[in-house]
Amino acid sequence: MNVNNNNISTNSSIITLQVGTFSNFIGTHYWNIQNDNYNYSINNKLEFEINPSLLFRASNNRDDNTKYTPRVLVFDYADNFGAMNKDGVVYRHNQNNKQQQQQQQNNYNNNSNNNNVVRYETKPIGSPINIDDPEQDNRLSNFEFWSDYLQTDLTSNNIVTLSQVNQNNNISGKLFSDGIDLLEQSNEILDHYQDNLRRMMEECDLMIGFQCFTDVDGIWGGVCSSLYEHLHDEYGSRPIVTFATTPHSSSISSLMESAIDERIYNSAHTIANIAQQSSLYIPLSAQRWSNLQQSCNLLNMSNRYQTSSIIAATIDTTTLYYRSNFNLGISDFCKHLALGSHKNICSLSTSYPGDINAFHFEKMLEQYQQQSTQTVVPLYANPLMNFLSPKLQNRIHRPNQNFDIDTDRESSATLEYLMTVSDAYSSSSR
């Protein structure tokens, strides 16, 4: 994204962390939304409603324009970056790449040392979109890699790659504890992450906090917990807003016991560790979206591109609180929603696409203005709202009832149950 210097004012900065594959699917949509918003303001010569410098880092080019790239650290397995190279550039099917490939072919043909080479061909992994084609419709696409639909640029300083297993091959890659073990045994990953983070911090005039999209499944909860320990040691005064996500799992829908146990184990340890390390912790899951499926009949729950887009759009709206041009920051956002350091878990719901007229906002406003004593259904309880946060079941104290986390007693009882199951699963798996 390129903008003219005269349109930008220096302001506060937020650093984003994306930890895990599904979180990177969400993050890619999130950055595409930001990019579209800014380009809309630029093309229509409108004042920015959201200051780009809050989430993007700036660098000047030869045309005296400012090029913005996301101020983000992306963590994923090396095999999950698709057509993105180590410099953060996605190899796309466009005319420039075809010309470059042809030039490479000609160079090989003219090189006498490569007489045995019949053809030189470079083919990207995945199916990157052509970002210069505004007519393409990707709504029903099922991308294998999140980089396939990324519309903005990254750099080598944004990327932290992880190996599938460590050198001793004693990490399964399925559990929270595996993520902690992986980082403890790999100083190279930690050093690379800390160096990249330090560079970002040095570029910020006023760094006011972190927002993190992290996976709960597999190693990623443990990886995120280890990263948070470093953040607290070095930047403990900055708030952290965590969106902890789980994708839809067909194995869990099929009631496969091992898959359910793994998610319970990882979810419990993520809540017990990351929630305590966060200023605000918001769990999100694509596992049960029955109402949302009814309102969006094209939604395929197994399509990570589709489900992540809904979560990203909801997060984009939610974080407008501290991203808009108001005198409110990420600390205010946390203080507004968290009742205290130990009461910082929130749920998130959305209506998408939905019919806004069905909410009867005019009737609610009329009752409010007339100071009516009639009970009005709160927005979060409206049946048209779809909970993106998972609901927990307490099978010890209330075996036949579903409930949300409303009181400390219910929260602690649920967490105690989850941790008990997790410890038993950990003992049987390791």
Protein backbone atom coordinates (compact mmCIF):
# COMPACT_ATOMS: atom_id res chain seq x y z
CA MET A 1 0.00 0.00 0.00
CA ASN A 2 1.40 3.38 -1.03
CA VAL A 3 0.09 6.70 0.30
CA ASN A 4 1.26 10.29 0.06
CA ASN A 5 3.23 11.59 3.01
CA ASN A 6 0.96 14.61 3.40
CA ASN A 7 -1.99 12.43 4.39
CA ILE A 8 -0.33 10.81 7.40
CA SER A 9 0.32 11.97 10.95
CA THR A 10 2.57 10.14 13.38
CA ASN A 11 0.61 8.39 16.12
CA SER A 12 0.61 5.48 18.50
CA SER A 13 1.63 2.01 17.35
CA ILE A 14 0.38 -1.53 17.97
CA ILE A 15 2.30 -4.71 17.18
CA THR A 16 0.33 -7.74 16.01
CA LEU A 17 1.34 -11.37 16.56
CA GLN A 18 -0.07 -14.21 14.45
CA VAL A 19 0.72 -17.62 15.90
CA GLY A 20 -0.41 -20.70 13.98
CA THR A 21 -1.91 -21.57 10.61
CA PHE A 22 -5.59 -20.80 11.26
CA SER A 23 -4.66 -17.52 12.93
CA ASN A 24 -2.69 -16.62 9.81
CA PHE A 25 -5.78 -17.35 7.71
CA ILE A 26 -7.65 -14.92 9.97
CA GLY A 27 -4.80 -12.41 9.98
CA THR A 28 -4.59 -12.40 6.18
CA HIS A 29 -8.26 -11.42 5.92
CA TYR A 30 -7.70 -8.84 8.65
CA TRP A 31 -4.84 -7.14 6.77
CA ASN A 32 -6.78 -7.27 3.50
CA ILE A 33 -9.63 -5.42 5.21
CA GLN A 34 -7.24 -2.76 6.51
CA ASN A 35 -5.65 -2.40 3.10
CA ASP A 36 -9.04 -2.01 1.39
CA ASN A 37 -10.17 0.56 3.95
CA TYR A 38 -7.08 2.70 3.48
CA ASN A 39 -7.15 2.45 -0.30
CA TYR A 40 -10.82 3.48 -0.29
CA SER A 41 -9.93 6.64 1.64
CA ILE A 42 -6.98 7.35 -0.67
CA ASN A 43 -8.90 6.80 -3.91
CA ASN A 44 -11.81 8.96 -2.75
CA LYS A 45 -9.55 11.60 -1.16
CA LEU A 46 -11.16 11.13 2.24
CA GLU A 47 -9.66 11.66 5.65
CA PHE A 48 -8.46 8.45 7.25
CA GLU A 49 -10.93 7.15 9.81
CA ILE A 50 -8.17 4.88 11.08
CA ASN A 51 -4.57 6.04 11.15
CA PRO A 52 -2.51 3.57 9.07
CA SER A 53 0.55 4.11 11.27
CA LEU A 54 -1.26 2.42 14.16
CA LEU A 55 -0.94 -1.05 12.61
CA PHE A 56 1.44 -0.47 9.70
CA ARG A 57 5.09 0.46 9.54
CA ALA A 58 6.18 3.10 7.05
CA SER A 59 9.10 3.32 4.64
CA ASN A 60 9.71 6.00 2.02
CA ASN A 61 10.22 5.16 -1.66
CA ARG A 62 11.75 7.11 -4.52
CA ASP A 63 8.46 8.84 -5.41
CA ASP A 64 8.28 10.50 -1.98
CA ASN A 65 5.37 8.24 -1.11
CA THR A 66 5.14 6.16 2.02
CA LYS A 67 4.88 2.41 1.61
CA TYR A 68 3.08 0.68 4.46
CA THR A 69 3.59 -2.93 5.51
CA PRO A 70 1.85 -4.58 8.49
CA ARG A 71 3.62 -4.30 11.81
CA VAL A 72 3.17 -8.01 12.42
CA LEU A 73 5.14 -11.10 13.39
CA VAL A 74 3.91 -14.23 11.61
CA PHE A 75 4.64 -17.65 13.15
CA ASP A 76 3.96 -20.80 11.15
CA TYR A 77 5.51 -24.02 9.94
CA ALA A 78 7.90 -23.54 7.03
CA ASP A 79 5.69 -25.67 4.76
CA ASN A 80 2.64 -23.45 5.35
CA PHE A 81 3.90 -20.24 3.73
CA GLY A 82 2.96 -21.47 0.26
CA ALA A 83 4.30 -19.24 -2.53
CA MET A 84 5.71 -16.70 -0.09
CA ASN A 85 9.50 -16.62 0.02
CA LYS A 86 11.73 -15.82 2.99
CA ASP A 87 11.57 -12.10 2.13
CA GLY A 88 7.79 -12.03 2.55
CA VAL A 89 7.08 -11.73 -1.18
CA VAL A 90 4.41 -13.93 -2.77
CA TYR A 91 5.27 -15.34 -6.21
CA ARG A 92 2.17 -14.69 -8.31
CA HIS A 93 0.98 -15.66 -11.78
CA ASN A 94 1.33 -12.31 -13.52
CA GLN A 95 3.04 -10.89 -16.59
CA ASN A 96 6.15 -9.68 -14.72
CA ASN A 97 6.78 -13.12 -13.25
CA LYS A 98 6.30 -14.75 -16.66
CA GLN A 99 8.89 -12.41 -18.16
CA GLN A 100 11.28 -13.12 -15.31
CA GLN A 101 10.82 -16.85 -15.73
CA GLN A 102 11.46 -16.59 -19.48
CA GLN A 103 14.65 -14.63 -18.82
CA GLN A 104 15.83 -17.35 -16.43
CA GLN A 105 15.08 -19.95 -19.10
CA ASN A 106 17.11 -17.99 -21.66
CA ASN A 107 20.02 -17.62 -19.26
CA TYR A 108 20.14 -21.37 -18.74
CA ASN A 109 19.89 -22.06 -22.46
CA ASN A 110 22.82 -19.72 -23.14
CA ASN A 111 24.99 -21.21 -20.41
CA SER A 112 27.31 -23.86 -21.78
CA ASN A 113 27.67 -25.41 -18.32
CA ASN A 114 24.01 -26.44 -18.34
CA ASN A 115 23.87 -28.51 -21.53
CA ASN A 116 22.07 -31.29 -19.67
CA VAL A 117 19.25 -28.97 -18.58
CA VAL A 118 16.32 -29.49 -20.93
CA ARG A 119 14.03 -26.88 -19.34
CA TYR A 120 14.20 -24.50 -16.42
CA GLU A 121 10.83 -23.91 -14.79
CA THR A 122 9.75 -22.10 -11.65
CA LYS A 123 6.30 -22.99 -10.36
CA PRO A 124 4.83 -21.55 -7.15
CA ILE A 125 3.26 -23.66 -4.45
CA GLY A 126 -0.45 -23.04 -4.00
CA SER A 127 -2.72 -20.82 -6.07
CA PRO A 128 -1.92 -17.15 -5.38
CA ILE A 129 -4.58 -14.75 -6.58
CA ASN A 130 -3.90 -11.97 -9.05
CA ILE A 131 -4.32 -8.87 -6.88
CA ASP A 132 -4.49 -6.70 -10.01
CA ASP A 133 -7.73 -8.34 -11.15
CA PRO A 134 -10.68 -6.69 -9.33
CA GLU A 135 -13.24 -8.86 -11.12
CA GLN A 136 -12.23 -12.20 -9.62
CA ASP A 137 -14.64 -13.78 -7.16
CA ASN A 138 -13.02 -15.91 -4.46
CA ARG A 139 -16.03 -16.39 -2.18
CA LEU A 140 -16.25 -20.11 -2.86
CA SER A 141 -12.51 -20.68 -3.10
CA ASN A 142 -10.81 -23.10 -0.77
CA PHE A 143 -7.21 -21.90 -0.53
CA GLU A 144 -4.60 -24.28 0.80
CA PHE A 145 -2.28 -21.50 1.98
CA TRP A 146 -3.11 -18.18 3.62
CA SER A 147 -0.49 -16.45 1.46
CA ASP A 148 -2.58 -17.26 -1.62
CA TYR A 149 -4.98 -14.38 -0.95
CA LEU A 150 -2.72 -11.94 0.92
CA GLN A 151 -3.03 -8.55 -0.79
CA THR A 152 -0.39 -6.57 1.06
CA ASP A 153 3.37 -6.89 1.32
CA LEU A 154 5.43 -8.45 4.09
CA THR A 155 9.17 -8.40 4.69
CA SER A 156 11.69 -10.87 6.04
CA ASN A 157 11.37 -9.14 9.42
CA ASN A 158 7.72 -10.21 9.62
CA ILE A 159 8.36 -13.94 9.29
CA VAL A 160 9.34 -16.52 11.92
CA THR A 161 9.38 -20.10 10.58
CA LEU A 162 9.18 -23.21 12.73
CA SER A 163 10.16 -26.76 11.88
CA GLN A 164 7.56 -29.48 12.09
CA VAL A 165 9.63 -31.39 14.66
CA ASN A 166 12.84 -30.72 16.53
CA GLN A 167 16.15 -32.35 15.76
CA ASN A 168 15.54 -35.26 18.10
CA ASN A 169 12.05 -35.91 16.66
CA ASN A 170 10.59 -36.28 20.15
CA ILE A 171 7.88 -33.63 19.74
CA SER A 172 4.54 -34.83 18.44
CA GLY A 173 3.30 -31.37 17.44
CA LYS A 174 -0.17 -32.07 18.85
CA LEU A 175 -0.06 -30.66 22.37
CA PHE A 176 0.34 -27.37 24.21
CA SER A 177 3.41 -28.70 26.00
CA ASP A 178 5.05 -29.52 22.65
CA GLY A 179 5.12 -25.84 21.78
CA ILE A 180 6.89 -24.96 25.02
CA ASP A 181 9.39 -27.78 24.49
CA LEU A 182 10.05 -26.70 20.91
CA LEU A 183 11.01 -23.14 21.86
CA GLU A 184 13.02 -24.27 24.87
CA GLN A 185 15.09 -26.49 22.59
CA SER A 186 15.49 -23.95 19.78
CA ASN A 187 17.41 -20.82 20.69
CA GLU A 188 17.56 -19.93 16.99
CA ILE A 189 13.78 -19.41 16.79
CA LEU A 190 13.71 -17.30 19.95
CA ASP A 191 16.67 -15.20 18.86
CA HIS A 192 15.11 -14.59 15.45
CA TYR A 193 11.78 -13.61 17.01
CA GLN A 194 13.37 -11.31 19.58
CA ASP A 195 15.56 -9.60 16.96
CA ASN A 196 12.56 -8.93 14.70
CA LEU A 197 10.47 -7.68 17.61
CA ARG A 198 13.23 -5.39 18.80
CA ARG A 199 13.51 -3.83 15.33
CA MET A 200 9.78 -3.14 15.31
CA MET A 201 9.89 -1.63 18.78
CA GLU A 202 12.73 0.68 17.78
CA GLU A 203 10.67 1.97 14.82
CA CYS A 204 7.72 2.92 17.04
CA ASP A 205 7.44 6.42 18.47
CA LEU A 206 4.87 5.26 21.03
CA MET A 207 4.14 1.53 21.24
CA ILE A 208 0.89 1.20 23.22
CA GLY A 209 0.26 -2.56 23.17
CA PHE A 210 -0.04 -5.89 21.42
CA GLN A 211 -2.87 -7.73 19.74
CA CYS A 212 -2.43 -11.44 19.12
CA PHE A 213 -4.23 -14.00 16.99
CA THR A 214 -3.17 -17.43 18.19
CA ASP A 215 -4.21 -21.00 17.48
CA VAL A 216 -5.16 -23.20 20.41
CA ASP A 217 -4.77 -26.57 18.66
CA GLY A 218 -1.41 -28.30 18.32
CA ILE A 219 1.76 -26.65 19.57
CA TRP A 220 0.60 -23.08 19.08
CA GLY A 221 -0.84 -22.42 22.50
CA GLY A 222 2.47 -23.43 24.05
CA VAL A 223 4.42 -21.35 21.53
CA CYS A 224 2.27 -18.30 22.30
CA SER A 225 2.67 -18.81 26.04
CA SER A 226 6.47 -18.83 25.67
CA LEU A 227 6.32 -15.67 23.56
CA TYR A 228 4.20 -13.97 26.21
CA GLU A 229 6.77 -14.74 28.89
CA HIS A 230 9.31 -12.76 26.88
CA LEU A 231 6.83 -9.91 26.32
CA HIS A 232 6.17 -9.67 30.05
CA ASP A 233 9.88 -9.68 30.86
CA GLU A 234 10.75 -6.99 28.33
CA TYR A 235 7.55 -4.99 27.83
CA GLY A 236 5.45 -5.83 30.86
CA SER A 237 3.64 -2.49 30.99
CA ARG A 238 2.00 -2.93 27.57
CA PRO A 239 -1.44 -4.54 27.40
CA ILE A 240 -2.02 -7.69 25.34
CA VAL A 241 -5.35 -8.52 23.70
CA THR A 242 -5.53 -12.20 22.75
CA PHE A 243 -7.90 -13.77 20.23
CA ALA A 244 -7.47 -17.53 20.80
CA THR A 245 -8.90 -19.46 17.85
CA THR A 246 -9.78 -23.02 16.92
CA PRO A 247 -10.85 -24.07 13.39
CA HIS A 248 -13.65 -26.43 12.56
CA SER A 249 -12.66 -30.06 12.99
CA SER A 250 -14.56 -32.81 11.19
CA SER A 251 -13.09 -35.31 13.64
CA ILE A 252 -14.66 -33.46 16.57
CA SER A 253 -17.97 -33.20 14.70
CA SER A 254 -17.77 -36.97 14.23
CA LEU A 255 -17.24 -37.31 18.01
CA MET A 256 -13.80 -38.85 17.61
CA GLU A 257 -12.65 -39.19 21.20
CA SER A 258 -8.94 -38.60 20.62
CA ALA A 259 -9.59 -35.35 18.73
CA ILE A 260 -11.96 -34.12 21.45
CA ASP A 261 -9.44 -34.97 24.17
CA GLU A 262 -6.66 -33.13 22.34
CA ARG A 263 -8.75 -29.99 22.01
CA ILE A 264 -9.82 -30.13 25.66
CA TYR A 265 -6.22 -30.53 26.73
CA ASN A 266 -4.96 -27.67 24.57
CA SER A 267 -7.89 -25.37 25.36
CA ALA A 268 -7.55 -25.91 29.10
CA HIS A 269 -3.83 -25.22 29.19
CA THR A 270 -4.22 -22.23 26.89
CA ILE A 271 -6.83 -20.70 29.20
CA ALA A 272 -4.80 -21.52 32.31
CA ASN A 273 -1.62 -19.95 30.90
CA ILE A 274 -2.32 -17.42 28.16
CA ALA A 275 -5.46 -15.96 29.75
CA GLN A 276 -3.45 -15.10 32.84
CA GLN A 277 -0.73 -13.54 30.69
CA SER A 278 -3.23 -11.47 28.68
CA SER A 279 -4.91 -8.21 29.55
CA LEU A 280 -7.98 -9.48 27.70
CA TYR A 281 -8.58 -13.04 26.47
CA ILE A 282 -11.26 -13.77 23.83
CA PRO A 283 -11.68 -17.45 22.81
CA LEU A 284 -13.08 -18.02 19.32
CA SER A 285 -14.10 -21.25 17.64
CA ALA A 286 -15.51 -22.26 14.26
CA GLN A 287 -16.76 -25.59 15.59
CA ARG A 288 -20.48 -24.89 16.15
CA TRP A 289 -22.02 -22.24 13.92
CA SER A 290 -25.49 -23.68 13.32
CA ASN A 291 -27.29 -20.32 13.30
CA LEU A 292 -24.67 -18.74 11.09
CA GLN A 293 -24.88 -21.59 8.61
CA GLN A 294 -28.63 -21.02 8.30
CA SER A 295 -28.15 -17.32 7.46
CA CYS A 296 -25.29 -18.00 5.06
CA ASN A 297 -26.13 -21.08 3.02
CA LEU A 298 -22.87 -20.93 1.01
CA LEU A 299 -20.76 -21.36 4.14
CA ASN A 300 -18.62 -24.50 4.18
CA MET A 301 -17.46 -25.13 7.73
CA SER A 302 -14.46 -27.13 6.52
CA ASN A 303 -13.28 -24.21 4.37
CA ARG A 304 -10.74 -22.28 6.43
CA TYR A 305 -10.78 -19.41 3.95
CA GLN A 306 -14.51 -18.87 4.56
CA THR A 307 -14.67 -19.41 8.33
CA SER A 308 -11.59 -17.28 8.97
CA SER A 309 -13.10 -14.42 6.95
CA ILE A 310 -16.09 -14.21 9.31
CA ILE A 311 -13.85 -14.20 12.38
CA ALA A 312 -11.56 -11.58 10.82
CA ALA A 313 -14.48 -9.29 9.93
CA THR A 314 -15.77 -9.57 13.49
CA ILE A 315 -12.36 -8.82 15.00
CA ASP A 316 -12.02 -5.85 12.66
CA THR A 317 -15.28 -4.39 13.97
CA THR A 318 -14.43 -5.21 17.58
CA THR A 319 -11.03 -3.54 17.51
CA LEU A 320 -12.40 -0.31 16.01
CA TYR A 321 -12.69 0.77 19.64
CA TYR A 322 -8.96 1.41 19.82
CA ARG A 323 -8.16 1.82 16.12
CA SER A 324 -10.53 4.68 15.26
CA ASN A 325 -9.60 8.33 15.49
CA PHE A 326 -10.91 8.74 19.02
CA ASN A 327 -9.06 9.40 22.22
CA LEU A 328 -9.28 5.75 23.23
CA GLY A 329 -6.47 3.22 23.22
CA ILE A 330 -5.99 -0.47 23.65
CA SER A 331 -5.59 -0.02 27.42
CA ASP A 332 -9.02 1.63 27.58
CA PHE A 333 -10.43 -1.30 25.61
CA CYS A 334 -9.07 -3.79 28.15
CA LYS A 335 -10.23 -1.76 31.15
CA HIS A 336 -13.69 -1.39 29.66
CA LEU A 337 -14.21 -5.13 29.20
CA ALA A 338 -12.08 -6.77 31.89
CA LEU A 339 -13.37 -6.58 35.46
CA GLY A 340 -9.91 -7.30 36.82
CA SER A 341 -6.69 -9.18 36.18
CA HIS A 342 -8.43 -12.50 36.98
CA LYS A 343 -11.72 -11.63 35.26
CA ASN A 344 -10.49 -10.91 31.77
CA ILE A 345 -12.15 -13.64 29.66
CA CYS A 346 -14.76 -12.30 27.22
CA SER A 347 -17.04 -13.83 24.63
CA LEU A 348 -17.59 -12.48 21.13
CA SER A 349 -20.71 -12.81 18.99
CA THR A 350 -21.71 -11.46 15.61
CA SER A 351 -24.59 -11.24 13.18
CA TYR A 352 -23.28 -11.97 9.72
CA PRO A 353 -24.72 -11.49 7.23
CA GLY A 354 -28.14 -11.33 8.94
CA ASP A 355 -30.97 -8.82 8.57
CA ILE A 356 -30.34 -5.67 10.58
CA ASN A 357 -34.05 -4.75 10.54
CA ALA A 358 -34.85 -7.92 12.44
CA PHE A 359 -33.04 -6.56 15.48
CA HIS A 360 -35.73 -3.90 15.99
CA PHE A 361 -33.26 -1.21 16.98
CA GLU A 362 -35.90 1.50 16.50
CA LYS A 363 -38.17 -0.14 19.09
CA MET A 364 -35.28 -0.48 21.53
CA LEU A 365 -34.40 3.20 21.08
CA GLU A 366 -38.02 4.24 21.56
CA GLN A 367 -38.27 2.29 24.81
CA TYR A 368 -35.02 3.81 26.00
CA GLN A 369 -36.14 7.35 25.22
CA GLN A 370 -39.46 6.80 26.99
CA GLN A 371 -37.61 5.29 29.96
CA SER A 372 -39.86 2.28 29.66
CA THR A 373 -39.70 -0.33 32.41
CA GLN A 374 -40.35 -3.07 29.87
CA THR A 375 -37.51 -5.53 29.71
CA VAL A 376 -35.50 -5.26 26.51
CA VAL A 377 -33.54 -8.28 25.32
CA PRO A 378 -29.85 -7.25 25.37
CA LEU A 379 -28.12 -7.35 22.04
CA TYR A 380 -25.76 -10.18 22.98
CA ALA A 381 -28.78 -12.36 23.90
CA ASN A 382 -30.62 -11.71 20.65
CA PRO A 383 -31.26 -15.05 18.89
CA LEU A 384 -29.95 -13.52 15.65
CA MET A 385 -26.50 -13.10 17.19
CA ASN A 386 -24.09 -15.96 16.60
CA PHE A 387 -21.61 -16.82 19.31
CA LEU A 388 -18.10 -17.19 17.95
CA SER A 389 -16.77 -17.98 21.41
CA PRO A 390 -17.14 -21.63 22.43
CA LYS A 391 -19.60 -22.49 25.16
CA LEU A 392 -18.35 -24.76 27.93
CA GLN A 393 -20.08 -27.68 29.57
CA ASN A 394 -19.67 -28.51 33.24
CA ARG A 395 -20.18 -32.26 33.33
CA ILE A 396 -19.37 -32.54 37.04
CA HIS A 397 -21.82 -30.13 38.66
CA ARG A 398 -24.42 -29.67 35.89
CA PRO A 399 -24.27 -32.73 33.66
CA ASN A 400 -27.41 -31.93 31.64
CA GLN A 401 -27.07 -28.17 31.19
CA ASN A 402 -25.10 -25.85 28.97
CA PHE A 403 -23.98 -22.52 30.38
CA ASP A 404 -21.78 -19.55 29.72
CA ILE A 405 -19.11 -18.43 32.17
CA ASP A 406 -21.16 -16.16 34.44
CA THR A 407 -19.72 -16.58 37.94
CA ASP A 408 -16.39 -17.33 39.51
CA ARG A 409 -17.69 -20.61 40.93
CA GLU A 410 -18.78 -21.88 37.52
CA SER A 411 -15.58 -20.68 35.89
CA SER A 412 -13.30 -22.35 38.41
CA ALA A 413 -15.33 -25.56 38.39
CA THR A 414 -15.19 -25.77 34.60
CA LEU A 415 -11.49 -24.99 34.48
CA GLU A 416 -10.83 -27.56 37.22
CA TYR A 417 -12.61 -30.21 35.17
CA LEU A 418 -10.75 -29.30 31.99
CA MET A 419 -7.40 -29.39 33.73
CA THR A 420 -8.21 -32.78 35.29
CA VAL A 421 -9.03 -34.26 31.89
CA SER A 422 -5.95 -32.58 30.41
CA ASP A 423 -3.58 -33.99 32.99
CA ALA A 424 -5.00 -37.49 32.48
CA TYR A 425 -4.67 -37.14 28.70
CA SER A 426 -1.13 -35.82 29.00
CA SER A 427 -0.09 -38.79 31.14
CA SER A 428 -1.49 -41.27 28.66
CA SER A 429 0.00 -39.54 25.61
CA ARG A 430 3.59 -38.88 26.66
